[in-house]
Amino acid sequence: MTKALVVAALAPVVLLAAGCDRSAPTPLPDPTAAAAEAPRPPAGPEKLIVAFGDSLYAGYGLKPGESWPARLERALWARGINARVVNAGVSGETTAAARARLAFVLDAQPRKPDLVAVGFGGNDMLRGLPPEQARANLDAILAELGRRGIPALLTGMLAAPNLGADYAAEFNPIFPALAAKHDAALVPFFLEPIVGRDDLLQPDHVHPTAKGIELIVADTVDDVERSLAG
């Protein structure tokens, strides 16, 4: 798929706020709070988190240290949680490729992770792949994490409206259904905090800017902290 087609397909997804009640934009995180973040992780046992996803995790178009895993780690440090978040994101990866890569990623860690965040499905959707394939692959990924006794946090995606109501009816329920099946924590729509905010998107109108990532971190850090505590 060409970059132009990718942009055209995903742009409606990040504009879904047209049907939502958003009387005012979500405020950006307080920059003074970000400046006060701990420069090093606090004392205590380290929590190992693997961020296993596609370009939205990998930090496409961002500088080092601006990706969701990197900023999530700092947000957890600021809460006194000694977390190390490993960025295992690969841009453009489908659920099938992720399923094939999972064992390698897990086996490469120094020990069993305390949490794996799973963020795939967007590239399947952009390519118009059958939703049942994405469901089967994500099901297998979560099952393997369960077999290894690793808690999971699933970050969901929504189908672009231009793919049609039938596709959305098959694709959108994948994430809540699998989270319930595997007792995984769920972020229903990873991009929700930046929906309708062109100022928080890169020029491709697909990927979040660094400020957009800050909003996504602020929206998801509670879910991560609860998953670690649980």
Protein backbone atom coordinates (compact mmCIF):
# COMPACT_ATOMS: atom_id res chain seq x y z
CA MET A 1 0.00 0.00 0.00
CA THR A 2 1.34 3.41 -0.92
CA LYS A 3 1.82 6.10 1.70
CA ALA A 4 -0.93 8.16 0.06
CA LEU A 5 -3.41 5.31 0.38
CA VAL A 6 -2.40 4.71 3.99
CA VAL A 7 -3.01 8.37 4.82
CA ALA A 8 -6.34 8.38 3.02
CA ALA A 9 -7.47 5.24 4.81
CA LEU A 10 -6.46 6.17 8.33
CA ALA A 11 -7.28 9.88 8.28
CA PRO A 12 -11.02 9.21 8.88
CA VAL A 13 -10.12 7.17 11.95
CA VAL A 14 -8.42 10.09 13.65
CA LEU A 15 -11.38 12.32 12.75
CA LEU A 16 -13.99 10.12 14.43
CA ALA A 17 -14.68 12.89 16.94
CA ALA A 18 -17.17 14.36 14.51
CA GLY A 19 -19.72 12.04 16.08
CA CYS A 20 -18.52 12.57 19.66
CA ASP A 21 -19.39 15.25 22.18
CA ARG A 22 -16.17 17.26 22.42
CA SER A 23 -17.08 20.82 23.30
CA ALA A 24 -13.43 21.69 23.99
CA PRO A 25 -10.10 20.10 23.02
CA THR A 26 -8.47 17.88 25.56
CA PRO A 27 -5.82 19.97 27.31
CA LEU A 28 -2.19 19.05 26.85
CA PRO A 29 -0.32 17.72 29.89
CA ASP A 30 1.13 20.40 32.13
CA PRO A 31 4.70 21.07 30.86
CA THR A 32 5.81 21.98 34.39
CA ALA A 33 4.78 18.54 35.55
CA ALA A 34 6.79 16.93 32.73
CA ALA A 35 9.83 18.98 33.73
CA ALA A 36 9.48 17.71 37.29
CA GLU A 37 9.70 14.05 36.26
CA ALA A 38 12.41 12.03 37.96
CA PRO A 39 15.63 11.95 35.91
CA ARG A 40 16.20 8.34 36.93
CA PRO A 41 13.92 5.50 38.03
CA PRO A 42 13.05 5.40 41.73
CA ALA A 43 14.39 2.74 44.06
CA GLY A 44 12.68 -0.62 44.39
CA PRO A 45 12.20 -3.74 42.28
CA GLU A 46 12.18 -3.01 38.57
CA LYS A 47 8.99 -3.59 36.60
CA LEU A 48 9.76 -4.84 33.10
CA ILE A 49 7.23 -3.81 30.46
CA VAL A 50 7.47 -4.80 26.80
CA ALA A 51 5.68 -2.50 24.35
CA PHE A 52 4.93 -4.92 21.51
CA GLY A 53 3.28 -3.04 18.67
CA ASP A 54 3.48 -1.30 15.32
CA SER A 55 4.51 2.25 14.34
CA LEU A 56 2.33 3.81 17.03
CA TYR A 57 4.61 2.17 19.59
CA ALA A 58 7.82 2.34 17.56
CA GLY A 59 7.75 6.15 17.49
CA TYR A 60 7.53 6.68 13.74
CA GLY A 61 8.64 10.21 12.82
CA LEU A 62 9.63 11.11 16.37
CA LYS A 63 12.98 11.84 17.99
CA PRO A 64 14.62 9.34 20.36
CA GLY A 65 12.89 9.52 23.70
CA GLU A 66 9.57 10.78 22.27
CA SER A 67 7.89 7.44 21.57
CA TRP A 68 4.99 6.12 23.65
CA PRO A 69 7.18 3.52 25.42
CA ALA A 70 9.85 6.11 26.29
CA ARG A 71 7.37 8.68 27.58
CA LEU A 72 5.36 6.02 29.39
CA GLU A 73 8.49 4.96 31.25
CA ARG A 74 9.10 8.53 32.41
CA ALA A 75 5.47 8.94 33.45
CA LEU A 76 5.72 5.79 35.56
CA TRP A 77 8.97 7.00 37.12
CA ALA A 78 7.22 10.23 38.05
CA ARG A 79 4.69 8.13 39.96
CA GLY A 80 7.45 6.38 41.88
CA ILE A 81 7.29 3.19 39.82
CA ASN A 82 10.68 1.75 38.87
CA ALA A 83 9.66 0.73 35.36
CA ARG A 84 11.72 -0.18 32.33
CA VAL A 85 9.70 -0.09 29.13
CA VAL A 86 11.26 -1.97 26.22
CA ASN A 87 10.22 -0.61 22.84
CA ALA A 88 9.51 -3.66 20.69
CA GLY A 89 7.51 -1.74 18.10
CA VAL A 90 7.98 -2.30 14.36
CA SER A 91 6.48 0.13 11.87
CA GLY A 92 4.15 -1.38 9.30
CA GLU A 93 3.81 -4.72 11.07
CA THR A 94 0.61 -6.72 10.71
CA THR A 95 -0.87 -9.06 13.29
CA ALA A 96 0.44 -12.04 11.32
CA ALA A 97 4.02 -10.75 11.40
CA ALA A 98 3.65 -9.88 15.08
CA ARG A 99 2.44 -13.37 15.88
CA ALA A 100 5.50 -14.82 14.17
CA ARG A 101 7.81 -12.43 16.06
CA LEU A 102 6.37 -12.77 19.55
CA ALA A 103 8.45 -15.69 20.83
CA PHE A 104 11.68 -14.05 19.67
CA VAL A 105 10.80 -10.82 21.48
CA LEU A 106 9.87 -12.57 24.71
CA ASP A 107 12.85 -14.90 24.68
CA ALA A 108 15.19 -11.94 24.16
CA GLN A 109 14.20 -10.34 27.46
CA PRO A 110 16.45 -10.77 30.51
CA ARG A 111 13.53 -12.20 32.47
CA LYS A 112 9.78 -12.72 32.19
CA PRO A 113 8.11 -9.33 31.67
CA ASP A 114 5.74 -8.00 34.31
CA LEU A 115 3.49 -6.71 31.51
CA VAL A 116 3.29 -6.79 27.72
CA ALA A 117 1.36 -4.04 25.96
CA VAL A 118 -0.01 -5.31 22.63
CA GLY A 119 -0.79 -2.77 19.92
CA PHE A 120 -1.58 -4.24 16.51
CA GLY A 121 -4.43 -4.33 14.02
CA GLY A 122 -4.08 -0.93 12.39
CA ASN A 123 -2.00 -2.20 9.48
CA ASP A 124 -4.37 -5.12 8.90
CA MET A 125 -7.21 -2.63 8.73
CA LEU A 126 -5.34 -0.26 6.40
CA ARG A 127 -4.67 -3.12 4.02
CA GLY A 128 -8.28 -4.29 4.17
CA LEU A 129 -7.26 -7.71 5.44
CA PRO A 130 -10.09 -9.92 6.69
CA PRO A 131 -10.90 -9.04 10.32
CA GLU A 132 -11.05 -12.72 11.21
CA GLN A 133 -7.34 -12.98 10.44
CA ALA A 134 -6.51 -10.12 12.81
CA ARG A 135 -8.73 -11.71 15.45
CA ALA A 136 -7.04 -15.10 15.10
CA ASN A 137 -3.54 -13.64 15.26
CA LEU A 138 -4.26 -11.41 18.26
CA ASP A 139 -6.00 -14.33 19.94
CA ALA A 140 -2.85 -16.42 19.48
CA ILE A 141 -0.62 -13.61 20.80
CA LEU A 142 -2.69 -13.18 23.94
CA ALA A 143 -2.93 -16.94 24.41
CA GLU A 144 0.85 -17.26 24.29
CA LEU A 145 1.24 -14.49 26.85
CA GLY A 146 -1.25 -16.30 29.05
CA ARG A 147 0.59 -19.58 28.62
CA ARG A 148 3.76 -17.87 29.83
CA GLY A 149 1.96 -16.24 32.74
CA ILE A 150 2.53 -12.69 31.46
CA PRO A 151 -0.21 -10.06 32.02
CA ALA A 152 -1.29 -8.21 28.89
CA LEU A 153 -2.63 -4.75 28.07
CA LEU A 154 -4.37 -4.61 24.69
CA THR A 155 -4.56 -1.20 22.99
CA GLY A 156 -7.36 -1.16 20.47
CA MET A 157 -7.96 0.39 17.07
CA LEU A 158 -11.11 1.34 15.16
CA ALA A 159 -11.80 0.70 11.49
CA ALA A 160 -11.71 3.68 9.14
CA PRO A 161 -15.28 4.65 8.14
CA ASN A 162 -14.45 4.43 4.44
CA LEU A 163 -14.05 0.67 4.83
CA GLY A 164 -17.78 0.39 5.37
CA ALA A 165 -20.14 -0.55 8.16
CA ASP A 166 -19.80 -4.29 7.57
CA TYR A 167 -16.03 -4.19 7.99
CA ALA A 168 -16.29 -2.04 11.11
CA ALA A 169 -18.90 -4.39 12.58
CA GLU A 170 -16.38 -7.24 12.29
CA PHE A 171 -13.19 -5.34 13.13
CA ASN A 172 -14.11 -3.04 16.02
CA PRO A 173 -15.39 -5.73 18.44
CA ILE A 174 -12.14 -7.72 18.14
CA PHE A 175 -10.35 -5.85 20.91
CA PRO A 176 -12.97 -5.85 23.69
CA ALA A 177 -13.88 -9.46 22.92
CA LEU A 178 -10.30 -10.72 23.11
CA ALA A 179 -9.52 -8.66 26.20
CA ALA A 180 -12.47 -10.27 27.94
CA LYS A 181 -11.55 -13.75 26.71
CA HIS A 182 -7.95 -13.52 27.92
CA ASP A 183 -8.56 -11.37 31.00
CA ALA A 184 -6.35 -8.65 29.54
CA ALA A 185 -6.55 -4.96 30.36
CA LEU A 186 -7.97 -2.89 27.52
CA VAL A 187 -7.50 0.58 26.10
CA PRO A 188 -10.47 0.62 23.69
CA PHE A 189 -9.01 3.11 21.17
CA PHE A 190 -5.34 4.02 21.49
CA LEU A 191 -5.69 7.21 19.41
CA GLU A 192 -8.76 8.51 21.25
CA PRO A 193 -6.96 11.44 22.97
CA ILE A 194 -5.90 12.98 19.65
CA VAL A 195 -9.04 12.37 17.62
CA GLY A 196 -9.93 15.46 15.63
CA ARG A 197 -6.71 17.26 16.64
CA ASP A 198 -4.76 18.01 13.47
CA ASP A 199 -2.29 19.99 15.57
CA LEU A 200 -1.30 16.77 17.30
CA LEU A 201 -0.67 14.82 14.09
CA GLN A 202 2.43 14.66 11.94
CA PRO A 203 2.20 15.91 8.33
CA ASP A 204 1.11 12.44 7.22
CA HIS A 205 -2.10 12.94 9.25
CA VAL A 206 -1.65 9.45 10.65
CA HIS A 207 1.00 9.43 13.36
CA PRO A 208 0.96 11.48 16.57
CA THR A 209 3.42 14.29 17.19
CA ALA A 210 5.45 14.34 20.39
CA LYS A 211 2.70 16.42 22.03
CA GLY A 212 0.15 13.92 20.80
CA ILE A 213 2.14 11.13 22.41
CA GLU A 214 2.07 13.05 25.69
CA LEU A 215 -1.74 13.04 25.59
CA ILE A 216 -1.83 9.34 24.79
CA VAL A 217 0.55 8.63 27.68
CA ALA A 218 -1.62 10.68 30.04
CA ASP A 219 -4.65 8.69 28.87
CA THR A 220 -3.04 5.25 29.24
CA VAL A 221 -0.65 5.47 32.21
CA ASP A 222 -3.42 4.65 34.70
CA ASP A 223 -4.24 1.47 32.75
CA VAL A 224 -0.58 0.46 32.79
CA GLU A 225 -0.21 1.16 36.50
CA ARG A 226 -3.34 -0.87 37.33
CA SER A 227 -2.08 -3.73 35.19
CA LEU A 228 1.24 -3.76 37.04
CA ALA A 229 -0.53 -3.70 40.41
CA GLY A 230 -2.92 -6.45 39.44
